[in-house]
């Protein structure tokens, strides 16, 4: 039975690596998997999904106005049976797109695996994450750790001095130089202005 899955975490937990491994597993078994990736995250080039450890794959780039159900239907019409859809940076989905992905599951009977952040640098839900948390059949946390040694559940955006940024647009593409994963306790601490964080301290998966 096809399901809608949401794999969520803080930054640098290996979400994209896990997605690419899933795609490889399908293809190794002679099954076809499509990777969808938002156009606004073009750090590796538009339509390219790349992990921090060097793995990468081509994907189908989409913008906020795209109809993802129609996109999947077109892919099936052009290339034949599709066994799985994987979505990178799923926090950037719109409410409508999460609904469209649920239709891929319910109407087309194709499993959809979404990977993304749960919350932004202010501790607030992204639109895509909000509706995936509400509508997904299965939720799974990909764990990583804070520099304090505790489990990291929050993401902090930092400036050039390692100080937490508290204002600005919700979406600002960046990597280890701008974002650090921390525990809730550390998040509260740095958001109160108590100390700085080395933005190059990359947490490790648990």
Protein backbone atom coordinates (compact mmCIF):
# COMPACT_ATOMS: atom_id res chain seq x y z
CA UNK A 1 0.00 0.00 0.00
CA UNK A 2 1.44 3.37 -1.02
CA UNK A 3 2.01 5.95 1.73
CA UNK A 4 3.11 9.56 2.17
CA UNK A 5 6.22 9.69 4.37
CA UNK A 6 7.85 12.68 6.03
CA UNK A 7 11.44 12.33 7.24
CA UNK A 8 12.30 15.46 9.20
CA UNK A 9 15.25 16.79 11.17
CA UNK A 10 17.37 19.80 11.99
CA UNK A 11 20.13 20.90 9.58
CA UNK A 12 23.01 18.57 8.71
CA UNK A 13 21.37 15.33 9.82
CA UNK A 14 21.94 13.56 6.50
CA UNK A 15 18.46 13.98 4.97
CA UNK A 16 19.69 14.32 1.39
CA UNK A 17 22.16 11.47 1.85
CA UNK A 18 19.31 9.25 3.03
CA UNK A 19 17.16 10.34 0.07
CA UNK A 20 19.91 9.54 -2.42
CA UNK A 21 20.49 6.16 -0.77
CA UNK A 22 16.78 5.40 -1.08
CA UNK A 23 16.83 6.34 -4.77
CA UNK A 24 19.87 4.11 -5.30
CA UNK A 25 18.16 1.19 -3.56
CA UNK A 26 15.15 1.45 -5.88
CA UNK A 27 17.27 1.71 -9.00
CA UNK A 28 19.52 -1.17 -7.95
CA UNK A 29 16.43 -3.38 -7.94
CA UNK A 30 15.41 -2.28 -11.42
CA UNK A 31 12.72 0.07 -10.14
CA UNK A 32 12.26 3.66 -11.25
CA UNK A 33 12.39 6.54 -8.74
CA UNK A 34 11.84 10.23 -9.49
CA UNK A 35 13.51 12.92 -7.37
CA UNK A 36 11.79 16.29 -7.05
CA UNK A 37 13.76 19.31 -5.84
CA UNK A 38 12.71 22.94 -5.35
CA UNK A 39 14.26 25.43 -7.77
CA UNK A 40 15.06 27.92 -5.01
CA UNK A 41 17.72 25.60 -3.57
CA UNK A 42 20.24 25.76 -6.40
CA UNK A 43 23.48 25.40 -4.43
CA UNK A 44 24.47 22.35 -6.51
CA UNK A 45 22.84 23.68 -9.68
CA UNK A 46 19.17 23.72 -10.65
CA UNK A 47 17.78 20.20 -10.79
CA UNK A 48 20.77 18.64 -9.02
CA UNK A 49 20.37 17.05 -5.60
CA UNK A 50 23.67 16.84 -3.71
CA UNK A 51 24.62 15.80 -0.20
CA UNK A 52 27.41 17.17 1.98
CA UNK A 53 29.37 13.91 1.64
CA UNK A 54 29.59 14.15 -2.15
CA UNK A 55 26.68 12.04 -3.38
CA UNK A 56 24.47 13.59 -6.03
CA UNK A 57 21.79 12.82 -8.58
CA UNK A 58 19.71 14.59 -11.19
CA UNK A 59 16.24 15.63 -10.13
CA UNK A 60 13.17 17.39 -11.48
CA UNK A 61 13.27 21.04 -10.39
CA UNK A 62 9.97 22.67 -9.48
CA UNK A 63 8.81 26.10 -8.34
CA UNK A 64 6.07 27.13 -5.91
CA UNK A 65 3.45 27.28 -8.66
CA UNK A 66 4.11 23.77 -9.98
CA UNK A 67 1.40 21.11 -9.84
CA UNK A 68 3.36 18.12 -8.54
CA UNK A 69 0.63 15.60 -9.25
CA UNK A 70 0.57 16.75 -12.88
CA UNK A 71 4.38 16.60 -12.93
CA UNK A 72 4.34 12.96 -11.77
CA UNK A 73 1.58 12.03 -14.21
CA UNK A 74 3.61 13.56 -17.05
CA UNK A 75 6.69 11.62 -15.99
CA UNK A 76 4.77 8.35 -15.97
CA UNK A 77 3.26 9.11 -19.39
CA UNK A 78 6.71 9.85 -20.82
CA UNK A 79 8.81 7.15 -19.15
CA UNK A 80 6.49 4.45 -17.89
CA UNK A 81 5.80 3.03 -14.46
CA UNK A 82 7.18 4.94 -11.48
CA UNK A 83 7.81 3.05 -8.26
CA UNK A 84 8.62 5.93 -5.92
CA UNK A 85 8.74 9.73 -5.69
CA UNK A 86 11.35 11.35 -3.44
CA UNK A 87 11.17 15.03 -2.49
CA UNK A 88 14.25 16.93 -1.29
CA UNK A 89 13.99 20.08 0.90
CA UNK A 90 10.31 19.33 1.45
CA UNK A 91 9.93 22.21 3.90
CA UNK A 92 9.70 24.50 0.84
CA UNK A 93 6.53 22.81 -0.45
CA UNK A 94 3.31 24.78 -0.42
CA UNK A 95 0.13 23.54 1.20
CA UNK A 96 -1.29 22.84 -2.26
CA UNK A 97 1.78 20.83 -3.25
CA UNK A 98 1.59 18.64 -0.15
CA UNK A 99 -2.02 17.93 -1.08
CA UNK A 100 -0.95 17.12 -4.65
CA UNK A 101 1.62 14.65 -3.32
CA UNK A 102 -1.08 13.01 -1.24
CA UNK A 103 -3.00 12.55 -4.49
CA UNK A 104 0.06 10.87 -6.04
CA UNK A 105 -0.19 8.39 -3.17
CA UNK A 106 -3.97 7.96 -3.06
CA UNK A 107 -4.90 8.18 -6.75
CA UNK A 108 -1.74 6.92 -8.48
CA UNK A 109 -0.71 4.46 -5.74
CA UNK A 110 2.90 5.66 -5.81
CA UNK A 111 4.78 6.01 -2.50
CA UNK A 112 6.07 9.53 -1.80
CA UNK A 113 9.04 10.07 0.54
CA UNK A 114 9.61 13.67 1.64
CA UNK A 115 12.76 14.87 3.40
CA UNK A 116 13.01 18.26 5.04
CA UNK A 117 13.43 20.54 8.01
CA UNK A 118 10.66 20.76 10.56
CA UNK A 119 11.27 24.32 11.77
CA UNK A 120 13.06 27.48 10.67
CA UNK A 121 15.71 29.56 12.45
CA UNK A 122 13.03 31.09 14.69
CA UNK A 123 11.66 27.71 15.76
CA UNK A 124 8.53 28.09 13.61
CA UNK A 125 7.13 25.53 11.20
CA UNK A 126 7.75 25.84 7.48
CA UNK A 127 4.58 25.67 5.37
CA UNK A 128 5.50 22.38 3.75
CA UNK A 129 6.50 20.80 7.05
CA UNK A 130 3.30 21.97 8.73
CA UNK A 131 1.09 20.12 6.26
CA UNK A 132 3.32 17.08 5.98
CA UNK A 133 3.16 16.73 9.76
CA UNK A 134 -0.63 17.01 9.48
CA UNK A 135 -1.25 14.77 6.47
CA UNK A 136 1.59 12.26 6.12
CA UNK A 137 0.86 8.61 6.82
CA UNK A 138 4.18 8.08 8.53
CA UNK A 139 6.54 10.48 10.31
CA UNK A 140 10.17 9.70 11.11
CA UNK A 141 12.87 11.85 12.70
CA UNK A 142 16.42 11.71 11.33
CA UNK A 143 18.55 12.47 14.35
CA UNK A 144 21.67 14.57 14.77
CA UNK A 145 23.48 16.09 17.74
CA UNK A 146 24.17 19.53 19.15
CA UNK A 147 27.70 20.71 19.99
CA UNK A 148 26.61 20.27 23.62
CA UNK A 149 26.22 16.52 23.06
CA UNK A 150 22.42 16.53 23.32
CA UNK A 151 20.07 15.66 20.48
CA UNK A 152 19.66 18.61 18.10
CA UNK A 153 16.07 19.50 17.25
CA UNK A 154 16.37 23.19 16.30
CA UNK A 155 18.28 25.16 13.68
CA UNK A 156 19.98 28.50 14.36
CA UNK A 157 20.91 31.01 11.65
CA UNK A 158 24.14 32.77 12.61
CA UNK A 159 25.96 35.88 11.46
CA UNK A 160 29.68 36.19 10.70
CA UNK A 161 30.43 36.40 14.45
CA UNK A 162 28.48 33.26 15.29
CA UNK A 163 25.64 35.22 16.90
CA UNK A 164 22.08 33.99 16.43
CA UNK A 165 20.07 35.93 13.84
CA UNK A 166 16.55 36.62 15.08
CA UNK A 167 15.04 38.57 12.18
CA UNK A 168 14.92 38.25 8.41
CA UNK A 169 13.19 36.21 5.73
CA UNK A 170 12.20 32.66 6.61
CA UNK A 171 13.95 31.28 3.52
CA UNK A 172 17.62 32.13 3.07
CA UNK A 173 19.61 29.41 1.36
CA UNK A 174 22.87 28.54 3.07
CA UNK A 175 24.99 25.75 4.45
CA UNK A 176 27.28 25.19 7.40
CA UNK A 177 28.50 28.78 7.28
CA UNK A 178 25.02 30.12 8.13
CA UNK A 179 23.17 27.39 10.00
CA UNK A 180 23.92 25.28 13.07
CA UNK A 181 21.79 22.51 14.58
CA UNK A 182 21.30 22.75 18.34
CA UNK A 183 19.24 21.30 21.17
CA UNK A 184 16.18 23.16 22.39
CA UNK A 185 18.08 24.27 25.51
CA UNK A 186 20.95 25.70 23.42
CA UNK A 187 18.43 27.33 21.06
CA UNK A 188 16.88 29.21 23.99
CA UNK A 189 20.33 30.22 25.21
CA UNK A 190 21.64 31.63 21.95
CA UNK A 191 18.36 33.32 21.10
CA UNK A 192 18.71 35.19 24.40
CA UNK A 193 22.11 36.38 23.18
CA UNK A 194 24.08 34.27 25.64
CA UNK A 195 27.19 33.34 23.68
CA UNK A 196 28.07 32.56 20.09
CA UNK A 197 28.28 29.37 18.04
CA UNK A 198 31.06 28.35 15.70
CA UNK A 199 29.16 27.99 12.40
CA UNK A 200 31.66 25.37 11.23
CA UNK A 201 30.84 23.00 14.09
CA UNK A 202 28.94 20.43 12.05
CA UNK A 203 26.89 17.98 14.15
CA UNK A 204 27.02 14.27 13.52
CA UNK A 205 24.14 11.81 13.00
CA UNK A 206 23.14 9.84 16.09
